[in-house]
Amino acid sequence: MKPRQLSILAGVSYLVIFFAAIFGNFLVLEAILASPIETVTQNHMMVRFGILAFLLTVVFDVVVAWALYELYKDHFLSGLSTYFRMMHAAIMGVALFALPLALKATTETEILRQVDIFNIIWLIGLFFFGIHLILLARIIKKPKFIALFLMLAGIMYMIDTGAHFLLPNYDTYSEVFLAMVAIPSIIGEMSFAIWLLVKGGKT
């Protein structure tokens, strides 16, 4: 594929990941956490679509990893960056095993336990995703503000994962950490996706 085609493919895939993750996280998982039994029994189709949405994020994560590698394969860090993104996708795929089990659970405690397992495994994957973003920022270099926000997002992902496991009272600061991750991540990754669609791959 030509660089421009690869860039568009990566940009479109980024947008699919973005919207699928929003649906899965902020509609499905939040609904389960708010009303576990009711959501799993009465809105089980929404949960099933949520699982499908997360599956799509894994599929298109691999597509993005491949497209970015092909775009920047001349850079010495490109292969390493790709491996770390692929690790994130693989771990996310493993985490997804917990969600179908939540559908089969019959108690609120068991449903929430499966969601917790999903979140913990995914959290580990986000540590490696953070490394990928740091390396990606070094690879693309320009536009500088996008590279900067990708770098910050990567660092924040790693700090947040570390804080989850190191701070016994993490929940006290969870909203602060969420903002620290979300702001640079949304700005950096969405800007990068738009840049890929509009200007990436052009000579």
C-alpha atoms as a PDB file:
ATOM      1  CA  MET A   1       0.000   0.000   0.000  1.00  0.00           C
ATOM      2  CA  LYS A   2       1.067   3.564  -0.635  1.00  0.00           C
ATOM      3  CA  PRO A   3       1.955   5.794   2.347  1.00  0.00           C
ATOM      4  CA  ARG A   4      -1.177   7.902   1.875  1.00  0.00           C
ATOM      5  CA  GLN A   5      -3.393   4.795   1.899  1.00  0.00           C
ATOM      6  CA  LEU A   6      -1.653   3.466   4.996  1.00  0.00           C
ATOM      7  CA  SER A   7      -2.125   6.803   6.721  1.00  0.00           C
ATOM      8  CA  ILE A   8      -5.851   6.906   5.943  1.00  0.00           C
ATOM      9  CA  LEU A   9      -6.227   3.288   7.089  1.00  0.00           C
ATOM     10  CA  ALA A  10      -4.497   4.091  10.380  1.00  0.00           C
ATOM     11  CA  GLY A  11      -6.601   7.234  10.872  1.00  0.00           C
ATOM     12  CA  VAL A  12      -9.915   5.485  10.201  1.00  0.00           C
ATOM     13  CA  SER A  13      -8.894   2.590  12.459  1.00  0.00           C
ATOM     14  CA  TYR A  14      -8.038   5.045  15.236  1.00  0.00           C
ATOM     15  CA  LEU A  15     -11.536   6.547  14.988  1.00  0.00           C
ATOM     16  CA  VAL A  16     -13.148   3.099  15.125  1.00  0.00           C
ATOM     17  CA  ILE A  17     -11.148   2.318  18.264  1.00  0.00           C
ATOM     18  CA  PHE A  18     -12.065   5.673  19.797  1.00  0.00           C
ATOM     19  CA  PHE A  19     -15.833   5.353  19.340  1.00  0.00           C
ATOM     20  CA  ALA A  20     -15.965   1.616  20.114  1.00  0.00           C
ATOM     21  CA  ALA A  21     -14.039   2.199  23.346  1.00  0.00           C
ATOM     22  CA  ILE A  22     -16.369   5.040  24.340  1.00  0.00           C
ATOM     23  CA  PHE A  23     -19.397   2.767  23.860  1.00  0.00           C
ATOM     24  CA  GLY A  24     -17.811  -0.143  25.685  1.00  0.00           C
ATOM     25  CA  ASN A  25     -16.440   1.888  28.591  1.00  0.00           C
ATOM     26  CA  PHE A  26     -18.835   4.710  29.247  1.00  0.00           C
ATOM     27  CA  LEU A  27     -22.110   3.058  28.261  1.00  0.00           C
ATOM     28  CA  VAL A  28     -21.715  -0.658  28.887  1.00  0.00           C
ATOM     29  CA  LEU A  29     -19.223  -0.967  31.758  1.00  0.00           C
ATOM     30  CA  GLU A  30     -20.617   2.045  33.595  1.00  0.00           C
ATOM     31  CA  ALA A  31     -24.117   0.575  33.291  1.00  0.00           C
ATOM     32  CA  ILE A  32     -22.912  -2.736  34.726  1.00  0.00           C
ATOM     33  CA  LEU A  33     -21.167  -1.002  37.623  1.00  0.00           C
ATOM     34  CA  ALA A  34     -24.272   1.073  38.387  1.00  0.00           C
ATOM     35  CA  SER A  35     -26.794  -1.796  38.195  1.00  0.00           C
ATOM     36  CA  PRO A  36     -25.045  -5.173  37.776  1.00  0.00           C
ATOM     37  CA  ILE A  37     -27.992  -7.577  37.944  1.00  0.00           C
ATOM     38  CA  GLU A  38     -30.406  -5.377  36.007  1.00  0.00           C
ATOM     39  CA  THR A  39     -27.919  -4.646  33.224  1.00  0.00           C
ATOM     40  CA  VAL A  40     -26.820  -8.254  32.750  1.00  0.00           C
ATOM     41  CA  THR A  41     -30.358  -9.681  32.835  1.00  0.00           C
ATOM     42  CA  GLN A  42     -32.539  -6.991  31.280  1.00  0.00           C
ATOM     43  CA  ASN A  43     -30.025  -5.230  29.027  1.00  0.00           C
ATOM     44  CA  HIS A  44     -27.887  -8.225  28.123  1.00  0.00           C
ATOM     45  CA  MET A  45     -27.888  -7.309  24.411  1.00  0.00           C
ATOM     46  CA  MET A  46     -26.209  -4.011  25.246  1.00  0.00           C
ATOM     47  CA  VAL A  47     -23.549  -5.953  27.161  1.00  0.00           C
ATOM     48  CA  ARG A  48     -23.087  -8.291  24.201  1.00  0.00           C
ATOM     49  CA  PHE A  49     -22.668  -5.326  21.851  1.00  0.00           C
ATOM     50  CA  GLY A  50     -20.193  -3.906  24.354  1.00  0.00           C
ATOM     51  CA  ILE A  51     -18.126  -7.088  24.142  1.00  0.00           C
ATOM     52  CA  LEU A  52     -18.257  -6.829  20.341  1.00  0.00           C
ATOM     53  CA  ALA A  53     -17.136  -3.180  20.575  1.00  0.00           C
ATOM     54  CA  PHE A  54     -14.121  -4.178  22.664  1.00  0.00           C
ATOM     55  CA  LEU A  55     -13.339  -6.955  20.166  1.00  0.00           C
ATOM     56  CA  LEU A  56     -13.324  -4.328  17.421  1.00  0.00           C
ATOM     57  CA  THR A  57     -10.844  -2.230  19.398  1.00  0.00           C
ATOM     58  CA  VAL A  58      -8.502  -5.232  19.515  1.00  0.00           C
ATOM     59  CA  VAL A  59      -8.851  -5.909  15.786  1.00  0.00           C
ATOM     60  CA  PHE A  60      -8.280  -2.304  14.774  1.00  0.00           C
ATOM     61  CA  ASP A  61      -5.457  -1.925  17.281  1.00  0.00           C
ATOM     62  CA  VAL A  62      -3.608  -4.572  15.302  1.00  0.00           C
ATOM     63  CA  VAL A  63      -4.476  -2.758  12.050  1.00  0.00           C
ATOM     64  CA  VAL A  64      -3.124   0.517  13.450  1.00  0.00           C
ATOM     65  CA  ALA A  65       0.036  -1.221  14.657  1.00  0.00           C
ATOM     66  CA  TRP A  66       0.660  -2.691  11.198  1.00  0.00           C
ATOM     67  CA  ALA A  67      -0.161   0.518   9.309  1.00  0.00           C
ATOM     68  CA  LEU A  68       2.081   2.649  11.531  1.00  0.00           C
ATOM     69  CA  TYR A  69       4.910   0.147  11.173  1.00  0.00           C
ATOM     70  CA  GLU A  70       4.635   0.262   7.399  1.00  0.00           C
ATOM     71  CA  LEU A  71       4.528   4.064   7.464  1.00  0.00           C
ATOM     72  CA  TYR A  72       7.556   4.493   9.707  1.00  0.00           C
ATOM     73  CA  LYS A  73       9.477   1.257   9.181  1.00  0.00           C
ATOM     74  CA  ASP A  74      12.637   3.168   8.290  1.00  0.00           C
ATOM     75  CA  HIS A  75      12.844   4.478  11.860  1.00  0.00           C
ATOM     76  CA  PHE A  76      14.902   2.253  14.160  1.00  0.00           C
ATOM     77  CA  LEU A  77      12.233   2.377  16.928  1.00  0.00           C
ATOM     78  CA  SER A  78       9.310   1.418  14.696  1.00  0.00           C
ATOM     79  CA  GLY A  79       9.555  -2.332  15.251  1.00  0.00           C
ATOM     80  CA  LEU A  80       9.851  -1.961  19.028  1.00  0.00           C
ATOM     81  CA  SER A  81       6.900   0.423  19.104  1.00  0.00           C
ATOM     82  CA  THR A  82       4.815  -2.056  17.114  1.00  0.00           C
ATOM     83  CA  TYR A  83       5.643  -4.905  19.499  1.00  0.00           C
ATOM     84  CA  PHE A  84       4.470  -2.914  22.504  1.00  0.00           C
ATOM     85  CA  ARG A  85       1.191  -2.002  20.792  1.00  0.00           C
ATOM     86  CA  MET A  86       0.679  -5.633  19.833  1.00  0.00           C
ATOM     87  CA  MET A  87       1.297  -6.632  23.461  1.00  0.00           C
ATOM     88  CA  HIS A  88      -1.450  -4.222  24.491  1.00  0.00           C
ATOM     89  CA  ALA A  89      -3.843  -5.700  21.923  1.00  0.00           C
ATOM     90  CA  ALA A  90      -3.045  -9.266  23.025  1.00  0.00           C
ATOM     91  CA  ILE A  91      -3.557  -8.462  26.704  1.00  0.00           C
ATOM     92  CA  MET A  92      -6.811  -6.678  25.899  1.00  0.00           C
ATOM     93  CA  GLY A  93      -7.946  -9.801  24.078  1.00  0.00           C
ATOM     94  CA  VAL A  94      -7.220 -11.879  27.174  1.00  0.00           C
ATOM     95  CA  ALA A  95      -9.085  -9.385  29.391  1.00  0.00           C
ATOM     96  CA  LEU A  96     -12.201  -9.813  27.255  1.00  0.00           C
ATOM     97  CA  PHE A  97     -12.613 -13.392  28.506  1.00  0.00           C
ATOM     98  CA  ALA A  98     -14.035 -11.949  31.739  1.00  0.00           C
ATOM     99  CA  LEU A  99     -16.982 -10.122  30.184  1.00  0.00           C
ATOM    100  CA  PRO A 100     -18.874 -13.130  28.750  1.00  0.00           C
ATOM    101  CA  LEU A 101     -18.461 -14.731  32.185  1.00  0.00           C
ATOM    102  CA  ALA A 102     -20.144 -11.681  33.711  1.00  0.00           C
ATOM    103  CA  LEU A 103     -23.163 -12.441  31.516  1.00  0.00           C
ATOM    104  CA  LYS A 104     -23.389 -15.922  33.035  1.00  0.00           C
ATOM    105  CA  ALA A 105     -22.977 -14.737  36.622  1.00  0.00           C
ATOM    106  CA  THR A 106     -26.045 -14.800  38.849  1.00  0.00           C
ATOM    107  CA  THR A 107     -24.948 -12.579  41.741  1.00  0.00           C
ATOM    108  CA  GLU A 108     -23.948  -8.932  41.886  1.00  0.00           C
ATOM    109  CA  THR A 109     -20.668  -9.836  43.579  1.00  0.00           C
ATOM    110  CA  GLU A 110     -19.667 -12.249  40.802  1.00  0.00           C
ATOM    111  CA  ILE A 111     -20.628  -9.824  38.031  1.00  0.00           C
ATOM    112  CA  LEU A 112     -18.562  -7.038  39.578  1.00  0.00           C
ATOM    113  CA  ARG A 113     -15.697  -9.470  40.144  1.00  0.00           C
ATOM    114  CA  GLN A 114     -15.557 -10.317  36.433  1.00  0.00           C
ATOM    115  CA  VAL A 115     -15.640  -6.617  35.480  1.00  0.00           C
ATOM    116  CA  ASP A 116     -12.832  -6.006  37.977  1.00  0.00           C
ATOM    117  CA  ILE A 117     -10.772  -8.807  36.417  1.00  0.00           C
ATOM    118  CA  PHE A 118     -11.332  -7.274  32.982  1.00  0.00           C
ATOM    119  CA  ASN A 119     -10.237  -3.830  34.195  1.00  0.00           C
ATOM    120  CA  ILE A 120      -7.127  -5.109  35.987  1.00  0.00           C
ATOM    121  CA  ILE A 121      -5.882  -7.111  32.996  1.00  0.00           C
ATOM    122  CA  TRP A 122      -6.620  -4.220  30.623  1.00  0.00           C
ATOM    123  CA  LEU A 123      -4.807  -1.871  33.004  1.00  0.00           C
ATOM    124  CA  ILE A 124      -1.679  -3.994  32.660  1.00  0.00           C
ATOM    125  CA  GLY A 125      -2.038  -3.789  28.890  1.00  0.00           C
ATOM    126  CA  LEU A 126      -2.268   0.006  29.069  1.00  0.00           C
ATOM    127  CA  PHE A 127       1.188   0.098  30.678  1.00  0.00           C
ATOM    128  CA  PHE A 128       2.640  -1.381  27.486  1.00  0.00           C
ATOM    129  CA  PHE A 129       0.419   0.888  25.389  1.00  0.00           C
ATOM    130  CA  GLY A 130       1.987   3.819  27.222  1.00  0.00           C
ATOM    131  CA  ILE A 131       5.445   2.649  26.160  1.00  0.00           C
ATOM    132  CA  HIS A 132       4.169   2.417  22.582  1.00  0.00           C
ATOM    133  CA  LEU A 133       2.944   6.030  22.684  1.00  0.00           C
ATOM    134  CA  ILE A 134       6.268   7.272  24.052  1.00  0.00           C
ATOM    135  CA  LEU A 135       8.128   5.501  21.258  1.00  0.00           C
ATOM    136  CA  LEU A 136       5.583   6.701  18.673  1.00  0.00           C
ATOM    137  CA  ALA A 137       6.163  10.283  19.791  1.00  0.00           C
ATOM    138  CA  ARG A 138       9.883   9.802  19.182  1.00  0.00           C
ATOM    139  CA  ILE A 139       9.185   8.268  15.767  1.00  0.00           C
ATOM    140  CA  ILE A 140       6.802  10.845  14.287  1.00  0.00           C
ATOM    141  CA  LYS A 141       8.516  13.966  15.748  1.00  0.00           C
ATOM    142  CA  LYS A 142       6.207  16.262  13.748  1.00  0.00           C
ATOM    143  CA  PRO A 143       3.754  17.869  14.251  1.00  0.00           C
ATOM    144  CA  LYS A 144       5.551  18.697  17.487  1.00  0.00           C
ATOM    145  CA  PHE A 145       2.443  19.382  19.574  1.00  0.00           C
ATOM    146  CA  ILE A 146       0.991  15.975  18.649  1.00  0.00           C
ATOM    147  CA  ALA A 147       4.252  14.241  19.490  1.00  0.00           C
ATOM    148  CA  LEU A 148       4.321  16.103  22.812  1.00  0.00           C
ATOM    149  CA  PHE A 149       0.801  15.033  23.795  1.00  0.00           C
ATOM    150  CA  LEU A 150       1.456  11.443  22.705  1.00  0.00           C
ATOM    151  CA  MET A 151       4.560  11.440  24.893  1.00  0.00           C
ATOM    152  CA  LEU A 152       2.622  12.871  27.848  1.00  0.00           C
ATOM    153  CA  ALA A 153      -0.214  10.393  27.353  1.00  0.00           C
ATOM    154  CA  GLY A 154       2.224   7.491  27.296  1.00  0.00           C
ATOM    155  CA  ILE A 155       3.889   8.632  30.498  1.00  0.00           C
ATOM    156  CA  MET A 156       0.518   9.143  32.205  1.00  0.00           C
ATOM    157  CA  TYR A 157      -0.697   5.663  31.197  1.00  0.00           C
ATOM    158  CA  MET A 158       2.390   4.149  32.813  1.00  0.00           C
ATOM    159  CA  ILE A 159       2.084   6.307  35.937  1.00  0.00           C
ATOM    160  CA  ASP A 160      -1.611   5.487  36.295  1.00  0.00           C
ATOM    161  CA  THR A 161      -1.022   1.732  36.029  1.00  0.00           C
ATOM    162  CA  GLY A 162       1.810   1.956  38.531  1.00  0.00           C
ATOM    163  CA  ALA A 163      -0.324   4.020  40.904  1.00  0.00           C
ATOM    164  CA  HIS A 164      -3.125   1.428  40.775  1.00  0.00           C
ATOM    165  CA  PHE A 165      -0.766  -1.206  42.152  1.00  0.00           C
ATOM    166  CA  LEU A 166       1.406   0.960  44.412  1.00  0.00           C
ATOM    167  CA  LEU A 167      -1.153   3.182  46.156  1.00  0.00           C
ATOM    168  CA  PRO A 168      -3.443   1.421  48.658  1.00  0.00           C
ATOM    169  CA  ASN A 169      -5.696   4.510  48.588  1.00  0.00           C
ATOM    170  CA  TYR A 170      -5.708   4.921  44.791  1.00  0.00           C
ATOM    171  CA  ASP A 171      -9.488   5.423  44.766  1.00  0.00           C
ATOM    172  CA  THR A 172      -9.016   8.658  46.712  1.00  0.00           C
ATOM    173  CA  TYR A 173      -7.095  10.129  43.787  1.00  0.00           C
ATOM    174  CA  SER A 174      -8.749   8.194  40.945  1.00  0.00           C
ATOM    175  CA  GLU A 175     -10.434  11.243  39.401  1.00  0.00           C
ATOM    176  CA  VAL A 176      -7.117  13.118  39.340  1.00  0.00           C
ATOM    177  CA  PHE A 177      -5.357  10.213  37.650  1.00  0.00           C
ATOM    178  CA  LEU A 178      -8.236   9.826  35.184  1.00  0.00           C
ATOM    179  CA  ALA A 179      -7.857  13.465  34.142  1.00  0.00           C
ATOM    180  CA  MET A 180      -4.069  13.114  33.906  1.00  0.00           C
ATOM    181  CA  VAL A 181      -4.513  10.222  31.480  1.00  0.00           C
ATOM    182  CA  ALA A 182      -7.601  11.339  29.570  1.00  0.00           C
ATOM    183  CA  ILE A 183      -6.588  14.905  28.683  1.00  0.00           C
ATOM    184  CA  PRO A 184      -3.257  14.227  26.916  1.00  0.00           C
ATOM    185  CA  SER A 185      -4.565  10.938  25.507  1.00  0.00           C
ATOM    186  CA  ILE A 186      -7.679  12.422  23.890  1.00  0.00           C
ATOM    187  CA  ILE A 187      -5.834  15.476  22.576  1.00  0.00           C
ATOM    188  CA  GLY A 188      -2.808  13.531  21.367  1.00  0.00           C
ATOM    189  CA  GLU A 189      -4.459  10.464  19.859  1.00  0.00           C
ATOM    190  CA  MET A 190      -7.425  12.261  18.301  1.00  0.00           C
ATOM    191  CA  SER A 191      -5.140  14.938  16.846  1.00  0.00           C
ATOM    192  CA  PHE A 192      -2.876  12.227  15.477  1.00  0.00           C
ATOM    193  CA  ALA A 193      -5.840  10.382  13.947  1.00  0.00           C
ATOM    194  CA  ILE A 194      -7.074  13.554  12.248  1.00  0.00           C
ATOM    195  CA  TRP A 195      -3.554  14.379  11.068  1.00  0.00           C
ATOM    196  CA  LEU A 196      -3.223  10.882   9.590  1.00  0.00           C
ATOM    197  CA  LEU A 197      -6.503  11.349   7.705  1.00  0.00           C
ATOM    198  CA  VAL A 198      -5.738  14.842   6.452  1.00  0.00           C
ATOM    199  CA  LYS A 199      -1.984  15.048   5.936  1.00  0.00           C
ATOM    200  CA  GLY A 200      -0.290  11.769   6.764  1.00  0.00           C
ATOM    201  CA  GLY A 201       1.600   9.967   4.046  1.00  0.00           C
ATOM    202  CA  LYS A 202       1.671  12.928   1.692  1.00  0.00           C
ATOM    203  CA  THR A 203       5.008  13.595   0.060  1.00  0.00           C
END
